[in-house]
Amino acid sequence: MAGIEEQDTTMEHSHLTEMESQEALIQAPANPQQMLQQLESYHKKAVLQWLELYHQRFRSLTLSEFDNLFAFAQQLQDSCEKRLLAVDCDPQRIVALAVIEQFLKQLPEGTFDWVKHHQPATINEAIQLAVTHLTPFAVFHP
């Protein structure tokens, strides 16, 4: 059941990405360099959308969707691998992403949304963004 829904979403998403690429070609500038930059931009957006799709799928999986524990664990593994391997195969980068994600989860909701929107690449960037967002709300005690 979960596999069919995922395939439908995948097919629908790839169709949208294909349509965006076609639109980019139709509206392509005469300069080949600009056209390449525009296509790269569409490609980057498509990759980010795929990553978000994998991430949402991994986070939304529940045991009740599957007939047995093995199938559930296998789907968790597959979804996580797709997400992480699409980003980077470097174990240190994977650890960094996991740390950033866990750090963000502990922030107040408004700060979480604001920092996530800015897509920090490192934990230090995430900390700096959080401090920047939280500073106006800080209450100082003498």
Protein backbone atom coordinates (compact mmCIF):
# COMPACT_ATOMS: atom_id res chain seq x y z
CA MET A 1 0.00 0.00 0.00
CA ALA A 2 2.71 2.49 0.97
CA GLY A 3 4.71 1.59 -2.14
CA ILE A 4 1.83 2.42 -4.49
CA GLU A 5 1.25 5.82 -2.87
CA GLU A 6 4.96 6.59 -3.06
CA GLN A 7 5.07 5.62 -6.76
CA ASP A 8 2.08 7.85 -7.51
CA THR A 9 3.73 10.77 -5.74
CA THR A 10 7.01 10.07 -7.51
CA MET A 11 5.37 9.95 -10.94
CA GLU A 12 3.42 13.12 -10.25
CA HIS A 13 6.54 14.91 -8.99
CA SER A 14 8.68 13.84 -11.96
CA HIS A 15 5.95 15.11 -14.30
CA LEU A 16 6.01 18.50 -12.57
CA THR A 17 9.78 18.64 -12.78
CA GLU A 18 9.64 17.73 -16.47
CA MET A 19 7.06 20.47 -17.06
CA GLU A 20 9.27 23.01 -15.26
CA SER A 21 12.22 22.02 -17.45
CA GLN A 22 10.11 22.41 -20.59
CA GLU A 23 8.95 25.83 -19.41
CA ALA A 24 12.57 26.80 -18.84
CA LEU A 25 13.41 25.85 -22.41
CA ILE A 26 10.42 27.72 -23.84
CA GLN A 27 11.32 30.85 -21.90
CA ALA A 28 15.04 30.33 -22.46
CA PRO A 29 17.14 33.39 -23.10
CA ALA A 30 19.13 33.66 -26.31
CA ASN A 31 22.43 33.54 -24.42
CA PRO A 32 23.50 29.87 -23.95
CA GLN A 33 25.24 30.71 -20.64
CA GLN A 34 22.03 32.19 -19.23
CA MET A 35 20.07 29.18 -20.46
CA LEU A 36 22.50 26.83 -18.72
CA GLN A 37 22.23 28.81 -15.49
CA GLN A 38 18.44 28.74 -15.69
CA LEU A 39 18.38 24.96 -16.27
CA GLU A 40 20.83 24.46 -13.38
CA SER A 41 18.50 26.50 -11.18
CA TYR A 42 15.53 24.33 -12.15
CA HIS A 43 17.63 21.20 -11.56
CA LYS A 44 18.68 22.42 -8.11
CA LYS A 45 15.05 23.14 -7.21
CA ALA A 46 14.03 19.67 -8.39
CA VAL A 47 16.77 18.03 -6.32
CA LEU A 48 15.74 20.02 -3.24
CA GLN A 49 12.11 19.00 -3.80
CA TRP A 50 13.16 15.34 -4.03
CA LEU A 51 15.19 15.64 -0.83
CA GLU A 52 12.25 17.18 0.97
CA LEU A 53 9.97 14.42 -0.35
CA TYR A 54 12.34 11.72 0.94
CA HIS A 55 12.66 13.53 4.26
CA GLN A 56 8.89 13.85 4.69
CA ARG A 57 8.37 10.22 3.75
CA PHE A 58 10.98 9.05 6.27
CA ARG A 59 9.51 11.19 9.07
CA SER A 60 5.90 10.23 8.34
CA LEU A 61 6.32 6.45 8.24
CA THR A 62 4.28 4.61 10.86
CA LEU A 63 4.21 0.97 11.83
CA SER A 64 0.47 0.78 11.12
CA GLU A 65 1.18 1.23 7.38
CA PHE A 66 2.96 -2.12 7.16
CA ASP A 67 2.07 -5.77 7.62
CA ASN A 68 5.17 -6.62 9.63
CA LEU A 69 8.12 -5.14 11.47
CA PHE A 70 10.61 -6.18 8.80
CA ALA A 71 8.74 -4.30 6.05
CA PHE A 72 8.51 -1.22 8.29
CA ALA A 73 12.22 -1.31 9.14
CA GLN A 74 13.13 -1.88 5.49
CA GLN A 75 11.09 1.13 4.38
CA LEU A 76 12.70 3.28 7.09
CA GLN A 77 16.12 2.16 5.85
CA ASP A 78 15.27 2.79 2.18
CA SER A 79 13.78 6.23 2.80
CA CYS A 80 16.69 7.30 4.97
CA GLU A 81 19.27 6.08 2.46
CA LYS A 82 17.56 7.90 -0.41
CA ARG A 83 17.56 11.12 1.59
CA LEU A 84 21.09 10.92 2.88
CA LEU A 85 22.78 9.45 -0.17
CA ALA A 86 21.19 12.06 -2.39
CA VAL A 87 22.74 14.77 -0.24
CA ASP A 88 26.21 13.43 0.31
CA CYS A 89 27.98 10.11 0.89
CA ASP A 90 30.49 11.66 3.29
CA PRO A 91 29.83 10.25 6.80
CA GLN A 92 30.92 13.51 8.46
CA ARG A 93 28.41 15.44 6.36
CA ILE A 94 25.66 12.99 7.30
CA VAL A 95 26.52 13.44 10.98
CA ALA A 96 26.51 17.22 10.53
CA LEU A 97 23.07 17.11 8.92
CA ALA A 98 21.71 14.90 11.69
CA VAL A 99 23.11 17.25 14.35
CA ILE A 100 21.60 20.30 12.63
CA GLU A 101 18.24 18.56 12.36
CA GLN A 102 18.20 17.56 16.03
CA PHE A 103 19.35 21.05 17.06
CA LEU A 104 16.55 22.66 15.07
CA LYS A 105 13.94 20.37 16.65
CA GLN A 106 14.77 21.77 20.08
CA LEU A 107 14.29 25.41 19.10
CA PRO A 108 11.05 27.28 19.78
CA GLU A 109 8.61 26.89 16.89
CA GLY A 110 9.02 30.36 15.39
CA THR A 111 12.79 30.20 15.60
CA PHE A 112 12.78 26.67 14.17
CA ASP A 113 10.81 27.83 11.12
CA TRP A 114 12.97 30.92 10.65
CA VAL A 115 16.30 29.05 10.91
CA LYS A 116 15.11 26.17 8.71
CA HIS A 117 13.96 28.69 6.08
CA HIS A 118 17.55 30.01 5.90
CA GLN A 119 18.89 26.47 5.29
CA PRO A 120 22.05 26.54 7.41
CA ALA A 121 24.83 24.38 5.97
CA THR A 122 26.67 23.94 9.28
CA ILE A 123 25.78 23.71 12.95
CA ASN A 124 27.61 27.00 13.53
CA GLU A 125 25.40 28.71 10.93
CA ALA A 126 22.33 27.21 12.61
CA ILE A 127 23.48 28.48 16.02
CA GLN A 128 24.21 31.95 14.66
CA LEU A 129 20.82 32.14 12.94
CA ALA A 130 19.06 30.97 16.11
CA VAL A 131 20.90 33.54 18.23
CA THR A 132 20.04 36.27 15.72
CA HIS A 133 16.37 35.31 15.81
CA LEU A 134 16.17 34.81 19.57
CA THR A 135 18.11 37.93 20.64
CA PRO A 136 15.20 40.38 20.24
CA PHE A 137 13.13 38.10 22.49
CA ALA A 138 15.77 37.67 25.17
CA VAL A 139 14.96 38.86 28.66
CA PHE A 140 18.04 40.02 30.48
CA HIS A 141 18.23 39.67 34.25
CA PRO A 142 20.58 42.06 36.11
